[in-house]
Amino acid sequence: MQPRREFDPESIEELSTSLKRDGVLQPLLVKPVPGQEGCYELIAGERRLRAARYAGLETVPVLVKEKVTALEALQWALVENVQRRDLNPIEEALGYQRLVEEFEMTQAAVAEQVSKNRVSITHAMRLLKLPEVVQGWIADGSLSVGHAKAILGLPDSTSQRDLAAAAIGQGWNVRQTEEAVRKHLSRTPPEESAPEGEGEDATAVQRENWVVENLQRRFGARVRVQGKGGKGKIEVYYGSPDELERLLHLWGVREEL
């Protein structure tokens, strides 16, 4: 039932320190597993449970909900995570999508359930129309929801992916991304409309975008390219020790022990 799919190890460690000191102040929410006496399914509180295990706690307080339907369990889990702001934007959108598709709820009903307005639910679920790779960048924080809203203005997934990669690689803010979308939608051949000197700049930007896109596809990681006057630097980002190890292996770099 958990709408949350990813857990930041650093935040789990920080929470475990708090739990060691103060204990688990808010009970976890569980329901009995039918036909398995003494077994319970977690409805809400997985982050607290992981942190408690990390802290070495043998017991945690729980609140048992009897005769809970699948819809109620998902609703409780989603509401708690949304209210605690524990979900990334994609996890939140997927939670809303489950309520709409699996339980045939309207967006208005979902909004009422999680104490948000219907427009917020609509905007959140629109993120799921983006290519999976772009959704991944939103989930890991490489792109903000503001960037994503701008990119959704593009007509096809290829353009959305390419512009998202450029926004990350060149460190564009939301306004710069919106401007890039406007230019993409209204662009004309450089020889017809570009003032003198801008044609070369446009070509350089296109090449830089191409480099960013292909490096990110090759490495499976976020890449940023900065250059000027024929010189520059390439930055490759990783989100965990395992990802760093994967990149080092990909590059043929071996750690000297």
Protein backbone atom coordinates (compact mmCIF):
# COMPACT_ATOMS: atom_id res chain seq x y z
CA MET A 1 0.00 0.00 0.00
CA GLN A 2 2.95 2.31 0.46
CA PRO A 3 2.95 5.16 -2.11
CA ARG A 4 6.55 5.96 -1.18
CA ARG A 5 9.08 4.14 -3.41
CA GLU A 6 12.42 5.69 -2.46
CA PHE A 7 14.02 6.41 0.91
CA ASP A 8 16.98 8.72 1.39
CA PRO A 9 19.56 6.83 3.54
CA GLU A 10 20.83 10.09 5.05
CA SER A 11 17.35 11.14 6.21
CA ILE A 12 16.74 7.65 7.65
CA GLU A 13 19.98 7.95 9.63
CA GLU A 14 18.99 11.41 10.90
CA LEU A 15 15.56 10.14 11.97
CA SER A 16 17.13 7.12 13.69
CA THR A 17 19.22 9.47 15.84
CA SER A 18 16.03 11.23 16.91
CA LEU A 19 14.30 7.92 17.64
CA LYS A 20 17.20 6.75 19.80
CA ARG A 21 16.82 9.90 21.87
CA ASP A 22 13.05 10.37 21.99
CA GLY A 23 11.56 7.08 20.81
CA VAL A 24 8.79 6.73 18.21
CA LEU A 25 6.32 9.47 19.15
CA GLN A 26 3.73 8.76 16.44
CA PRO A 27 2.45 5.16 16.17
CA LEU A 28 2.72 3.26 12.91
CA LEU A 29 -0.58 2.35 11.28
CA VAL A 30 -1.15 -1.37 10.55
CA LYS A 31 -3.95 -3.78 9.69
CA PRO A 32 -4.25 -7.54 10.33
CA VAL A 33 -3.29 -9.90 7.50
CA PRO A 34 -6.33 -12.11 6.80
CA GLY A 35 -5.77 -15.75 7.70
CA GLN A 36 -2.37 -15.10 9.34
CA GLU A 37 -2.84 -14.65 13.06
CA GLY A 38 -0.33 -12.28 14.63
CA CYS A 39 0.76 -10.86 11.25
CA TYR A 40 0.11 -7.28 10.24
CA GLU A 41 0.48 -5.23 7.07
CA LEU A 42 1.97 -1.77 7.34
CA ILE A 43 -0.37 0.98 6.15
CA ALA A 44 1.62 4.08 7.08
CA GLY A 45 4.95 4.77 8.76
CA GLU A 46 7.52 2.82 6.70
CA ARG A 47 10.12 5.58 7.06
CA ARG A 48 9.76 5.47 10.86
CA LEU A 49 9.95 1.67 10.80
CA ARG A 50 13.18 1.71 8.77
CA ALA A 51 14.69 4.33 11.06
CA ALA A 52 13.68 2.34 14.15
CA ARG A 53 15.41 -0.75 12.75
CA TYR A 54 18.48 1.35 11.95
CA ALA A 55 18.43 2.65 15.54
CA GLY A 56 18.28 -0.90 16.89
CA LEU A 57 14.84 -0.53 18.49
CA GLU A 58 13.18 -3.89 19.09
CA THR A 59 9.61 -2.59 19.41
CA VAL A 60 7.63 0.35 18.07
CA PRO A 61 4.14 1.61 18.95
CA VAL A 62 1.44 0.74 16.41
CA LEU A 63 -2.21 1.54 15.90
CA VAL A 64 -4.16 -1.48 14.61
CA LYS A 65 -7.00 -0.76 12.20
CA GLU A 66 -9.47 -3.65 11.94
CA LYS A 67 -11.48 -4.43 8.79
CA VAL A 68 -9.68 -1.95 6.56
CA THR A 69 -10.44 -1.99 2.83
CA ALA A 70 -7.68 -1.65 0.24
CA LEU A 71 -9.03 1.80 -0.67
CA GLU A 72 -8.97 2.99 2.94
CA ALA A 73 -5.44 1.66 3.44
CA LEU A 74 -4.13 3.48 0.37
CA GLN A 75 -5.98 6.65 1.34
CA TRP A 76 -4.49 6.67 4.84
CA ALA A 77 -1.00 5.96 3.54
CA LEU A 78 -1.23 8.67 0.91
CA VAL A 79 -2.75 11.27 3.22
CA GLU A 80 -0.10 10.75 5.88
CA ASN A 81 2.78 10.95 3.41
CA VAL A 82 1.36 14.02 1.65
CA GLN A 83 0.72 15.83 4.92
CA ARG A 84 4.21 15.00 6.19
CA ARG A 85 5.67 15.93 2.77
CA ASP A 86 7.50 12.61 2.66
CA LEU A 87 6.79 11.91 -1.03
CA ASN A 88 8.63 13.22 -4.06
CA PRO A 89 6.35 14.74 -6.74
CA ILE A 90 6.26 11.58 -8.86
CA GLU A 91 5.41 9.31 -5.91
CA GLU A 92 2.63 11.73 -4.98
CA ALA A 93 1.28 11.76 -8.53
CA LEU A 94 1.36 7.95 -8.73
CA GLY A 95 -0.59 7.77 -5.47
CA TYR A 96 -3.30 10.01 -6.90
CA GLN A 97 -3.31 7.98 -10.11
CA ARG A 98 -3.92 4.76 -8.16
CA LEU A 99 -6.89 6.31 -6.39
CA VAL A 100 -8.34 7.43 -9.73
CA GLU A 101 -7.65 4.28 -11.77
CA GLU A 102 -7.85 1.42 -9.26
CA PHE A 103 -10.64 2.79 -7.10
CA GLU A 104 -12.46 4.89 -9.71
CA MET A 105 -12.34 8.08 -7.68
CA THR A 106 -12.76 11.44 -9.37
CA GLN A 107 -9.98 14.01 -9.07
CA ALA A 108 -12.37 16.12 -7.00
CA ALA A 109 -12.86 13.22 -4.57
CA VAL A 110 -9.10 12.66 -4.34
CA ALA A 111 -8.58 16.36 -3.65
CA GLU A 112 -11.11 16.27 -0.83
CA GLN A 113 -9.52 13.15 0.65
CA VAL A 114 -6.01 14.67 0.84
CA SER A 115 -7.20 18.21 1.67
CA LYS A 116 -5.99 19.81 -1.56
CA ASN A 117 -7.80 21.60 -4.36
CA ARG A 118 -8.68 19.75 -7.55
CA VAL A 119 -6.33 21.84 -9.70
CA SER A 120 -3.36 20.70 -7.57
CA ILE A 121 -4.31 17.07 -8.18
CA THR A 122 -4.67 17.69 -11.92
CA HIS A 123 -1.27 19.41 -12.15
CA ALA A 124 0.39 16.66 -10.10
CA MET A 125 -0.98 13.88 -12.31
CA ARG A 126 0.11 15.70 -15.49
CA LEU A 127 3.71 14.98 -14.47
CA LEU A 128 3.06 11.33 -15.33
CA LYS A 129 2.62 12.31 -18.99
CA LEU A 130 6.32 13.14 -19.20
CA PRO A 131 8.85 10.52 -20.44
CA GLU A 132 10.04 8.12 -17.75
CA VAL A 133 13.57 9.49 -17.79
CA VAL A 134 12.23 13.00 -17.12
CA GLN A 135 10.03 11.65 -14.32
CA GLY A 136 13.17 10.12 -12.83
CA TRP A 137 14.90 13.51 -12.85
CA ILE A 138 11.90 15.04 -11.08
CA ALA A 139 11.87 12.25 -8.51
CA ASP A 140 15.57 12.65 -7.65
CA GLY A 141 15.35 16.43 -7.49
CA SER A 142 17.34 17.19 -10.64
CA LEU A 143 14.28 19.00 -12.02
CA SER A 144 11.72 20.96 -10.01
CA VAL A 145 7.98 20.82 -10.54
CA GLY A 146 8.25 24.35 -11.95
CA HIS A 147 10.67 23.12 -14.61
CA ALA A 148 8.36 20.18 -15.34
CA LYS A 149 5.30 22.41 -15.84
CA ALA A 150 7.22 24.41 -18.43
CA ILE A 151 8.47 21.29 -20.22
CA LEU A 152 4.92 19.90 -20.40
CA GLY A 153 4.21 22.71 -22.86
CA LEU A 154 6.25 20.88 -25.51
CA PRO A 155 4.28 18.73 -27.96
CA ASP A 156 6.25 15.47 -27.96
CA SER A 157 8.27 13.26 -25.64
CA THR A 158 11.52 13.68 -27.58
CA SER A 159 11.42 17.46 -27.25
CA GLN A 160 10.48 17.15 -23.58
CA ARG A 161 13.39 14.81 -22.87
CA ASP A 162 15.91 16.88 -24.80
CA LEU A 163 14.92 20.18 -23.22
CA ALA A 164 14.84 18.63 -19.74
CA ALA A 165 18.38 17.32 -20.28
CA ALA A 166 19.48 20.78 -21.43
CA ALA A 167 17.87 22.44 -18.40
CA ILE A 168 19.76 20.12 -16.06
CA GLY A 169 23.03 20.23 -17.94
CA GLN A 170 23.13 24.01 -18.19
CA GLY A 171 21.61 24.75 -14.79
CA TRP A 172 18.62 26.69 -16.12
CA ASN A 173 16.17 28.16 -13.63
CA VAL A 174 12.41 27.90 -14.24
CA ARG A 175 12.21 31.20 -16.12
CA GLN A 176 15.06 30.20 -18.44
CA THR A 177 13.35 26.87 -19.06
CA GLU A 178 10.07 28.61 -19.89
CA GLU A 179 11.92 30.88 -22.32
CA ALA A 180 13.58 27.85 -23.97
CA VAL A 181 10.16 26.25 -24.40
CA ARG A 182 8.79 29.41 -26.00
CA LYS A 183 11.73 29.57 -28.39
CA HIS A 184 11.32 25.91 -29.27
CA LEU A 185 7.63 26.40 -30.07
CA SER A 186 8.18 29.47 -32.23
CA ARG A 187 11.63 28.89 -33.67
CA THR A 188 12.41 29.60 -37.34
CA PRO A 189 15.53 28.76 -39.38
CA PRO A 190 18.45 30.92 -38.14
CA GLU A 191 19.20 32.31 -41.60
CA GLU A 192 15.69 33.81 -41.79
CA SER A 193 15.33 35.41 -38.38
CA ALA A 194 18.50 35.37 -36.29
CA PRO A 195 20.33 38.70 -35.99
CA GLU A 196 23.97 38.79 -37.02
CA GLY A 197 26.17 36.87 -34.59
CA GLU A 198 23.33 34.86 -33.01
CA GLY A 199 23.53 31.98 -35.48
CA GLU A 200 26.87 30.78 -34.11
CA ASP A 201 25.61 31.10 -30.52
CA ALA A 202 22.52 29.03 -31.34
CA THR A 203 24.68 26.35 -32.95
CA ALA A 204 26.93 26.22 -29.88
CA VAL A 205 23.91 25.83 -27.58
CA GLN A 206 22.48 23.07 -29.77
CA ARG A 207 25.78 21.22 -29.71
CA GLU A 208 26.05 21.60 -25.92
CA ASN A 209 22.52 20.23 -25.53
CA TRP A 210 23.43 17.32 -27.79
CA VAL A 211 26.53 16.57 -25.69
CA VAL A 212 24.53 16.67 -22.43
CA GLU A 213 21.79 14.43 -23.78
CA ASN A 214 24.17 11.80 -25.15
CA LEU A 215 26.40 11.74 -22.06
CA GLN A 216 23.39 11.32 -19.77
CA ARG A 217 22.10 8.51 -21.95
CA ARG A 218 25.54 6.85 -22.00
CA PHE A 219 26.25 7.20 -18.27
CA GLY A 220 22.71 6.84 -16.94
CA ALA A 221 23.39 9.80 -14.67
CA ARG A 222 22.80 13.55 -14.53
CA VAL A 223 25.45 15.50 -16.45
CA ARG A 224 26.23 19.21 -16.60
CA VAL A 225 28.39 20.83 -19.28
CA GLN A 226 29.88 24.31 -18.97
CA GLY A 227 32.10 25.80 -21.64
CA LYS A 228 33.35 29.04 -23.09
CA GLY A 229 35.99 29.91 -25.64
CA GLY A 230 36.67 26.31 -26.55
CA LYS A 231 37.32 25.31 -22.91
CA GLY A 232 35.09 24.06 -20.16
CA LYS A 233 34.20 21.24 -17.81
CA ILE A 234 31.88 18.26 -17.59
CA GLU A 235 30.29 17.37 -14.24
CA VAL A 236 28.74 13.96 -13.62
CA TYR A 237 26.43 13.61 -10.60
CA TYR A 238 25.75 10.47 -8.58
CA GLY A 239 23.19 9.89 -5.85
CA SER A 240 24.61 6.99 -3.85
CA PRO A 241 27.82 5.00 -3.26
CA ASP A 242 26.40 2.22 -5.47
CA GLU A 243 25.85 4.65 -8.32
CA LEU A 244 29.41 5.96 -7.95
CA GLU A 245 30.70 2.39 -8.07
CA ARG A 246 28.68 1.76 -11.23
CA LEU A 247 30.12 4.86 -12.92
CA LEU A 248 33.69 3.98 -11.94
CA HIS A 249 33.20 0.49 -13.35
CA LEU A 250 31.75 1.98 -16.54
CA TRP A 251 34.82 4.21 -16.93
CA GLY A 252 37.23 1.37 -16.15
CA VAL A 253 38.48 3.04 -12.97
CA ARG A 254 39.63 0.66 -10.25
CA GLU A 255 40.07 1.70 -6.64
CA GLU A 256 43.61 1.21 -5.40
CA LEU A 257 43.57 -0.57 -2.03
